[in-house]
């Protein structure tokens, strides 16, 4: 089930980028979405690391 969802999300990326390119007429919007998604992924990674159960010495 997880593989199905992963491949579905992966296959939708190029379609959505092309769709945004057609709507806006340039690559600014698809690249902006790519940067925002990358930033959100980094925030999730850092949030998981910050939320670890650790004590400061």
C-alpha atoms as a PDB file:
ATOM      1  CA  UNK A   1       0.000   0.000   0.000  1.00  0.00           C
ATOM      2  CA  UNK A   2       2.813   2.403   0.854  1.00  0.00           C
ATOM      3  CA  UNK A   3       4.562   1.671  -2.419  1.00  0.00           C
ATOM      4  CA  UNK A   4       1.332   2.394  -4.293  1.00  0.00           C
ATOM      5  CA  UNK A   5       1.026   5.794  -2.620  1.00  0.00           C
ATOM      6  CA  UNK A   6       4.704   6.604  -3.168  1.00  0.00           C
ATOM      7  CA  UNK A   7       4.594   5.778  -6.864  1.00  0.00           C
ATOM      8  CA  UNK A   8       1.339   7.702  -7.249  1.00  0.00           C
ATOM      9  CA  UNK A   9       2.831  10.811  -5.674  1.00  0.00           C
ATOM     10  CA  UNK A  10       6.029  10.407  -7.662  1.00  0.00           C
ATOM     11  CA  UNK A  11       4.149  10.069 -10.943  1.00  0.00           C
ATOM     12  CA  UNK A  12       1.988  13.113 -10.223  1.00  0.00           C
ATOM     13  CA  UNK A  13       4.980  15.441  -9.819  1.00  0.00           C
ATOM     14  CA  UNK A  14       5.943  15.788 -13.505  1.00  0.00           C
ATOM     15  CA  UNK A  15       2.273  16.085 -14.487  1.00  0.00           C
ATOM     16  CA  UNK A  16       1.666  18.893 -11.985  1.00  0.00           C
ATOM     17  CA  UNK A  17       4.872  20.689 -12.956  1.00  0.00           C
ATOM     18  CA  UNK A  18       3.887  20.549 -16.623  1.00  0.00           C
ATOM     19  CA  UNK A  19       0.369  21.709 -15.811  1.00  0.00           C
ATOM     20  CA  UNK A  20       1.701  24.707 -13.871  1.00  0.00           C
ATOM     21  CA  UNK A  21       4.069  25.461 -16.756  1.00  0.00           C
ATOM     22  CA  UNK A  22       1.177  25.485 -19.215  1.00  0.00           C
ATOM     23  CA  UNK A  23      -0.989  27.692 -16.984  1.00  0.00           C
ATOM     24  CA  UNK A  24       1.723  30.276 -16.139  1.00  0.00           C
ATOM     25  CA  UNK A  25       3.609  30.065 -19.427  1.00  0.00           C
ATOM     26  CA  UNK A  26       7.024  29.875 -17.765  1.00  0.00           C
ATOM     27  CA  UNK A  27       8.891  27.762 -15.241  1.00  0.00           C
ATOM     28  CA  UNK A  28       8.668  30.215 -12.337  1.00  0.00           C
ATOM     29  CA  UNK A  29       5.598  28.657 -10.672  1.00  0.00           C
ATOM     30  CA  UNK A  30       6.731  24.995 -10.908  1.00  0.00           C
ATOM     31  CA  UNK A  31      10.175  25.901  -9.555  1.00  0.00           C
ATOM     32  CA  UNK A  32       8.636  27.934  -6.741  1.00  0.00           C
ATOM     33  CA  UNK A  33       6.455  24.959  -5.775  1.00  0.00           C
ATOM     34  CA  UNK A  34       9.536  22.715  -5.870  1.00  0.00           C
ATOM     35  CA  UNK A  35      11.451  25.055  -3.559  1.00  0.00           C
ATOM     36  CA  UNK A  36       8.501  25.324  -1.147  1.00  0.00           C
ATOM     37  CA  UNK A  37       8.080  21.542  -0.987  1.00  0.00           C
ATOM     38  CA  UNK A  38      11.818  21.104  -0.379  1.00  0.00           C
ATOM     39  CA  UNK A  39      11.684  23.692   2.416  1.00  0.00           C
ATOM     40  CA  UNK A  40       8.695  21.934   3.975  1.00  0.00           C
ATOM     41  CA  UNK A  41      10.548  18.606   3.888  1.00  0.00           C
ATOM     42  CA  UNK A  42      13.538  20.172   5.625  1.00  0.00           C
ATOM     43  CA  UNK A  43      11.259  21.640   8.278  1.00  0.00           C
ATOM     44  CA  UNK A  44       9.724  18.226   8.916  1.00  0.00           C
ATOM     45  CA  UNK A  45      13.169  16.635   9.263  1.00  0.00           C
ATOM     46  CA  UNK A  46      14.356  19.309  11.688  1.00  0.00           C
ATOM     47  CA  UNK A  47      11.092  19.111  13.663  1.00  0.00           C
ATOM     48  CA  UNK A  48      11.529  15.365  14.088  1.00  0.00           C
ATOM     49  CA  UNK A  49      15.123  15.852  15.206  1.00  0.00           C
ATOM     50  CA  UNK A  50      14.156  18.656  17.600  1.00  0.00           C
ATOM     51  CA  UNK A  51      11.339  16.594  19.108  1.00  0.00           C
ATOM     52  CA  UNK A  52      13.551  13.702  20.161  1.00  0.00           C
ATOM     53  CA  UNK A  53      13.387  12.663  23.782  1.00  0.00           C
ATOM     54  CA  UNK A  54      16.780  13.868  24.986  1.00  0.00           C
ATOM     55  CA  UNK A  55      18.080  15.722  27.996  1.00  0.00           C
ATOM     56  CA  UNK A  56      20.597  18.547  27.895  1.00  0.00           C
ATOM     57  CA  UNK A  57      23.657  17.949  30.027  1.00  0.00           C
END
